[in-house]
């Protein structure tokens, strides 16, 4: 009888130790999950902030200002635009099909 009691006592102790270990692991995993959720929330806020900043940086007025200042670009006007025109091939040409005509260009003012 005492042998059975000893075996049962050892089983209860082992069960109690296992229960403590499982509870500890559960708490640790819950803490890790909470940290991961907080990090995901922080990253989501950071992403939203960056999207707003990106939209602010890409406004047409800002892009035009940077193009003028840093790239020294200017608006296209008819006075500085070069148009390319293509002459039609003559009917008495050699007869080759698909050869491109010579391009002539001029500045339109």
Protein backbone atom coordinates (compact mmCIF):
# COMPACT_ATOMS: atom_id res chain seq x y z
CA UNK A 1 0.00 0.00 0.00
CA UNK A 2 2.81 2.41 0.82
CA UNK A 3 4.37 1.68 -2.50
CA UNK A 4 1.19 2.72 -4.30
CA UNK A 5 1.05 5.91 -2.22
CA UNK A 6 4.66 6.70 -3.16
CA UNK A 7 3.93 6.19 -6.87
CA UNK A 8 0.83 8.39 -6.64
CA UNK A 9 2.79 11.08 -4.77
CA UNK A 10 5.46 11.09 -7.47
CA UNK A 11 2.76 11.31 -10.16
CA UNK A 12 1.13 14.31 -8.40
CA UNK A 13 4.51 16.06 -8.04
CA UNK A 14 5.37 15.44 -11.70
CA UNK A 15 1.93 16.68 -12.73
CA UNK A 16 2.34 19.83 -10.62
CA UNK A 17 5.78 20.56 -12.11
CA UNK A 18 4.42 20.04 -15.63
CA UNK A 19 1.50 22.38 -14.87
CA UNK A 20 3.88 25.11 -13.63
CA UNK A 21 6.03 24.73 -16.74
CA UNK A 22 3.01 24.92 -19.08
CA UNK A 23 1.69 28.04 -17.31
CA UNK A 24 5.09 29.71 -17.54
CA UNK A 25 5.34 28.91 -21.26
CA UNK A 26 1.81 30.19 -21.80
CA UNK A 27 2.60 33.50 -20.09
CA UNK A 28 5.82 33.87 -22.06
CA UNK A 29 4.01 33.26 -25.35
CA UNK A 30 1.27 35.72 -24.41
CA UNK A 31 3.92 38.35 -23.64
CA UNK A 32 5.61 37.70 -27.01
CA UNK A 33 2.24 38.00 -28.77
CA UNK A 34 1.52 41.28 -27.00
CA UNK A 35 4.91 42.65 -28.06
CA UNK A 36 4.33 41.54 -31.65
CA UNK A 37 0.91 43.23 -31.74
CA UNK A 38 2.42 46.44 -30.35
CA UNK A 39 5.20 46.31 -32.97
CA UNK A 40 2.66 45.72 -35.75
CA UNK A 41 0.67 48.73 -34.57
CA UNK A 42 3.82 50.86 -34.47
CA UNK A 43 4.77 49.77 -37.99
CA UNK A 44 1.27 50.50 -39.25
CA UNK A 45 1.44 54.03 -37.84
CA UNK A 46 4.90 54.51 -39.34
CA UNK A 47 3.63 53.33 -42.72
CA UNK A 48 0.72 55.78 -42.60
CA UNK A 49 3.09 58.62 -41.65
CA UNK A 50 5.40 57.75 -44.55
CA UNK A 51 2.48 57.59 -46.99
CA UNK A 52 1.37 61.08 -45.92
CA UNK A 53 4.92 62.35 -46.24
CA UNK A 54 5.23 60.76 -49.69
CA UNK A 55 2.03 62.44 -50.85
CA UNK A 56 3.27 65.77 -49.50
CA UNK A 57 6.59 65.41 -51.32
CA UNK A 58 4.96 64.51 -54.64
CA UNK A 59 2.68 67.52 -55.05
CA UNK A 60 2.79 68.93 -58.58
CA UNK A 61 3.96 72.35 -57.38
CA UNK A 62 6.87 70.83 -55.43
CA UNK A 63 7.88 68.60 -58.35
CA UNK A 64 7.83 71.57 -60.72
CA UNK A 65 9.89 73.69 -58.30
CA UNK A 66 12.51 70.94 -57.94
CA UNK A 67 12.62 70.44 -61.71
CA UNK A 68 13.28 74.14 -62.23
CA UNK A 69 15.84 74.54 -59.43
CA UNK A 70 17.79 71.30 -59.33
CA UNK A 71 17.42 70.00 -62.88
CA UNK A 72 17.28 73.45 -64.48
CA UNK A 73 14.27 72.48 -66.55
CA UNK A 74 11.81 74.93 -68.05
CA UNK A 75 8.27 74.72 -69.35
CA UNK A 76 7.78 73.75 -72.95
CA UNK A 77 6.52 76.62 -75.09
CA UNK A 78 5.98 76.77 -78.84
CA UNK A 79 8.97 79.14 -79.09
CA UNK A 80 11.42 76.49 -77.89
CA UNK A 81 9.71 73.40 -79.25
CA UNK A 82 11.22 71.58 -82.20
CA UNK A 83 8.77 69.72 -84.39
CA UNK A 84 9.89 66.91 -86.67
CA UNK A 85 8.06 66.44 -89.96
CA UNK A 86 8.47 63.60 -92.37
CA UNK A 87 8.41 64.06 -96.11
CA UNK A 88 6.32 61.60 -98.06
CA UNK A 89 8.36 59.36 -100.38
CA UNK A 90 8.18 60.30 -104.05
CA UNK A 91 5.99 58.14 -106.29
CA UNK A 92 8.91 57.54 -108.67
CA UNK A 93 11.10 56.14 -105.91
CA UNK A 94 13.04 52.92 -106.47
CA UNK A 95 9.98 51.01 -105.42
CA UNK A 96 11.25 49.66 -102.15
CA UNK A 97 8.47 49.37 -99.66
CA UNK A 98 8.92 50.35 -96.07
CA UNK A 99 11.95 52.63 -96.37
CA UNK A 100 11.61 55.66 -94.15
CA UNK A 101 11.60 59.12 -95.64
CA UNK A 102 14.12 61.71 -94.66
CA UNK A 103 13.17 63.76 -91.63
CA UNK A 104 13.23 67.50 -91.73
CA UNK A 105 12.95 69.53 -88.62
CA UNK A 106 12.44 73.15 -87.96
CA UNK A 107 11.84 75.49 -85.12
CA UNK A 108 8.36 76.89 -85.03
CA UNK A 109 8.12 80.38 -83.62
